[in-house]
Amino acid sequence: MRVTIRTTRVATWFVYAGLLNALVAIVFAIPLVLADDASKIEPVDVSPSYLFQTWPKMPFAVASADFPGTWLFLSYVIFVLVGIVGFFGWAAVYYFQSAILGKTYTNRALSGLHFLLALAGVYVATIMFFSAGFFGGAARLSGIQGVAVINTLISWTIIPTAIGMILGILGNLLGAINNLVTFLGKQVAI
């Protein structure tokens, strides 16, 4: 098995992942754009099946302006910034290592871990963050009062969100280390 991989190939991974993430962002934006103007959902029911059925009735403006629906909006913004812009940014870094600096090979294991951990991290963190905003916002719109009650409904998202953030940070740290080693190291195709 090879120890190194072409930096342009790693750049290609990040371009494809960025394009996939852009498509996912578009798919998740469709229900928000098509939401109607209902500001209250009746009757009060917080079962997962009911909450998923209320999605088209959840107005984006209300969901994004009221706790914890703001987390739905923030998760989307974070996904766009980290999952799309960030992945295209890493693609550019790997590409420039090759095209401008002449560093055509990089560490295969670090590149793979960078890519997989960053991708897993962005999806785990934003899906959990999105879930907190969605379930909490739907509960709030259905008439449930009290921050403590809503926090109890969405508390299951806290630890997975933190795990996703740790995965993403670790992946990007490995990417920075990999690029530093590539920049400072001797180029050998092994």
Protein backbone atom coordinates (compact mmCIF):
# COMPACT_ATOMS: atom_id res chain seq x y z
CA MET A 1 0.00 0.00 0.00
CA ARG A 2 1.21 3.46 -0.85
CA VAL A 3 2.16 5.84 1.95
CA THR A 4 1.63 8.98 -0.12
CA ILE A 5 -1.11 10.28 -2.36
CA ARG A 6 -1.22 13.06 -4.93
CA THR A 7 -2.28 16.36 -3.40
CA THR A 8 -4.52 17.01 -6.41
CA ARG A 9 -6.40 13.79 -5.68
CA VAL A 10 -7.06 14.90 -2.12
CA ALA A 11 -8.20 18.27 -3.50
CA THR A 12 -10.64 16.37 -5.71
CA TRP A 13 -12.10 14.57 -2.65
CA PHE A 14 -12.82 17.92 -1.03
CA VAL A 15 -14.33 19.38 -4.21
CA TYR A 16 -16.72 16.44 -4.58
CA ALA A 17 -17.65 16.58 -0.90
CA GLY A 18 -18.23 20.33 -1.17
CA LEU A 19 -20.52 19.78 -4.16
CA LEU A 20 -22.40 17.03 -2.30
CA ASN A 21 -22.77 19.31 0.71
CA ALA A 22 -24.11 22.09 -1.54
CA LEU A 23 -26.72 19.69 -2.91
CA VAL A 24 -27.68 18.62 0.64
CA ALA A 25 -27.98 22.28 1.66
CA ILE A 26 -30.34 22.93 -1.25
CA VAL A 27 -32.49 19.92 -0.37
CA PHE A 28 -32.77 21.04 3.26
CA ALA A 29 -33.61 24.62 2.20
CA ILE A 30 -36.62 23.56 0.11
CA PRO A 31 -38.97 22.92 3.08
CA LEU A 32 -37.91 26.20 4.66
CA VAL A 33 -38.72 28.13 1.50
CA LEU A 34 -42.05 26.34 1.04
CA ALA A 35 -43.19 26.76 4.67
CA ASP A 36 -46.55 28.39 5.15
CA ASP A 37 -47.47 31.21 7.51
CA ALA A 38 -48.91 29.10 10.33
CA SER A 39 -47.61 30.49 13.59
CA LYS A 40 -49.20 27.92 15.86
CA ILE A 41 -49.51 24.17 15.40
CA GLU A 42 -52.50 22.41 16.93
CA PRO A 43 -52.94 20.19 18.87
CA VAL A 44 -50.01 19.99 21.26
CA ASP A 45 -48.17 16.75 20.51
CA VAL A 46 -44.41 16.26 20.69
CA SER A 47 -44.16 12.72 19.35
CA PRO A 48 -41.46 12.41 16.66
CA SER A 49 -43.97 11.37 13.98
CA TYR A 50 -46.15 14.42 14.66
CA LEU A 51 -43.17 16.75 14.69
CA PHE A 52 -42.00 15.43 11.32
CA GLN A 53 -45.52 15.93 9.92
CA THR A 54 -45.48 19.57 11.08
CA TRP A 55 -42.34 20.40 9.08
CA PRO A 56 -44.11 22.00 6.11
CA LYS A 57 -46.17 24.09 8.55
CA MET A 58 -43.17 25.47 10.42
CA PRO A 59 -42.62 29.02 9.16
CA PHE A 60 -38.96 29.76 8.72
CA ALA A 61 -39.20 33.26 10.14
CA VAL A 62 -40.77 32.02 13.38
CA ALA A 63 -38.47 29.02 13.64
CA SER A 64 -35.38 31.12 13.14
CA ALA A 65 -36.42 34.00 15.39
CA ASP A 66 -37.48 32.14 18.53
CA PHE A 67 -35.53 29.87 20.89
CA PRO A 68 -34.71 27.04 20.17
CA GLY A 69 -35.75 27.34 16.54
CA THR A 70 -32.78 29.64 16.04
CA TRP A 71 -30.58 26.57 16.25
CA LEU A 72 -32.23 25.27 13.08
CA PHE A 73 -31.18 28.44 11.27
CA LEU A 74 -27.71 28.46 12.84
CA SER A 75 -27.10 24.82 11.94
CA TYR A 76 -27.89 25.63 8.32
CA VAL A 77 -25.51 28.59 8.29
CA ILE A 78 -22.79 26.51 9.97
CA PHE A 79 -23.30 23.72 7.44
CA VAL A 80 -22.94 26.16 4.55
CA LEU A 81 -19.84 27.79 6.05
CA VAL A 82 -18.06 24.64 7.22
CA GLY A 83 -19.49 21.97 4.94
CA ILE A 84 -19.39 23.90 1.68
CA VAL A 85 -17.05 26.88 1.98
CA GLY A 86 -14.69 24.99 4.29
CA PHE A 87 -14.45 21.96 2.03
CA PHE A 88 -13.80 24.10 -1.03
CA GLY A 89 -11.19 25.95 1.04
CA TRP A 90 -9.39 22.71 1.87
CA ALA A 91 -9.57 21.70 -1.79
CA ALA A 92 -7.85 24.96 -2.68
CA VAL A 93 -5.16 24.42 -0.04
CA TYR A 94 -4.33 20.94 -1.33
CA TYR A 95 -4.46 22.09 -4.94
CA PHE A 96 -2.18 25.08 -4.29
CA GLN A 97 0.29 22.80 -2.49
CA SER A 98 0.72 21.04 -5.84
CA ALA A 99 0.17 23.78 -8.41
CA ILE A 100 2.01 26.66 -6.79
CA LEU A 101 4.44 25.10 -4.33
CA GLY A 102 5.27 21.97 -6.31
CA LYS A 103 4.37 19.66 -3.41
CA THR A 104 2.67 16.96 -5.45
CA TYR A 105 2.50 14.24 -2.78
CA THR A 106 1.09 14.24 0.73
CA ASN A 107 0.56 11.67 3.47
CA ARG A 108 -2.23 9.26 2.55
CA ALA A 109 -3.27 8.35 6.10
CA LEU A 110 -3.39 11.94 7.35
CA SER A 111 -5.26 13.04 4.21
CA GLY A 112 -7.82 10.26 4.60
CA LEU A 113 -8.33 10.93 8.30
CA HIS A 114 -8.60 14.65 7.62
CA PHE A 115 -11.28 14.11 5.01
CA LEU A 116 -13.30 11.47 6.88
CA LEU A 117 -13.22 13.15 10.28
CA ALA A 118 -14.06 16.57 8.84
CA LEU A 119 -16.96 15.13 6.82
CA ALA A 120 -18.30 13.06 9.72
CA GLY A 121 -17.88 15.99 12.09
CA VAL A 122 -19.79 18.47 9.95
CA TYR A 123 -22.67 16.05 9.42
CA VAL A 124 -22.96 14.81 13.01
CA ALA A 125 -22.73 18.31 14.52
CA THR A 126 -25.10 20.04 12.12
CA ILE A 127 -27.66 17.22 12.06
CA MET A 128 -27.83 17.22 15.85
CA PHE A 129 -27.89 21.01 16.00
CA PHE A 130 -30.59 21.04 13.30
CA SER A 131 -32.57 18.41 15.25
CA ALA A 132 -32.46 20.52 18.40
CA GLY A 133 -33.77 23.51 16.48
CA PHE A 134 -36.38 21.49 14.64
CA PHE A 135 -37.82 19.57 17.59
CA GLY A 136 -37.51 22.50 19.97
CA GLY A 137 -38.97 24.94 17.45
CA ALA A 138 -41.86 22.60 16.64
CA ALA A 139 -42.55 22.10 20.35
CA ARG A 140 -42.49 25.85 20.89
CA LEU A 141 -44.82 26.49 17.94
CA SER A 142 -47.20 23.81 19.16
CA GLY A 143 -47.75 25.77 22.34
CA ILE A 144 -45.37 24.17 24.83
CA GLN A 145 -44.28 26.84 27.28
CA GLY A 146 -41.21 26.92 29.45
CA VAL A 147 -37.57 26.80 28.53
CA ALA A 148 -36.94 23.92 30.95
CA VAL A 149 -39.54 21.70 29.25
CA ILE A 150 -38.18 22.43 25.79
CA ASN A 151 -34.58 21.93 26.97
CA THR A 152 -35.61 18.52 28.30
CA LEU A 153 -37.12 17.61 24.91
CA ILE A 154 -33.89 18.44 23.03
CA SER A 155 -31.28 17.48 25.64
CA TRP A 156 -30.47 14.26 23.76
CA THR A 157 -28.79 16.34 21.01
CA ILE A 158 -26.13 17.94 23.23
CA ILE A 159 -23.55 15.15 23.52
CA PRO A 160 -23.78 14.05 19.85
CA THR A 161 -23.36 17.70 18.79
CA ALA A 162 -20.23 17.97 20.92
CA ILE A 163 -18.89 14.70 19.48
CA GLY A 164 -19.46 16.01 15.96
CA MET A 165 -17.66 19.23 16.80
CA ILE A 166 -14.72 17.31 18.26
CA LEU A 167 -14.54 15.10 15.16
CA GLY A 168 -14.57 18.16 12.90
CA ILE A 169 -11.93 19.98 14.93
CA LEU A 170 -9.72 16.89 15.06
CA GLY A 171 -10.11 16.35 11.30
CA ASN A 172 -9.20 19.93 10.50
CA LEU A 173 -6.26 19.84 12.92
CA LEU A 174 -4.97 16.74 11.11
CA GLY A 175 -5.44 18.59 7.82
CA ALA A 176 -3.37 21.51 9.08
CA ILE A 177 -0.65 19.13 10.34
CA ASN A 178 -0.71 17.22 7.05
CA ASN A 179 -0.32 20.39 5.00
CA LEU A 180 2.46 21.66 7.25
CA VAL A 181 4.33 18.35 6.96
CA THR A 182 3.79 18.39 3.20
CA PHE A 183 5.01 21.98 2.93
CA LEU A 184 8.14 21.38 5.02
CA GLY A 185 8.85 17.81 3.92
CA LYS A 186 10.79 16.32 1.06
CA GLN A 187 8.66 15.12 -1.86
CA VAL A 188 8.82 11.36 -2.30
CA ALA A 189 6.22 9.19 -4.00
CA ILE A 190 6.14 6.07 -1.84
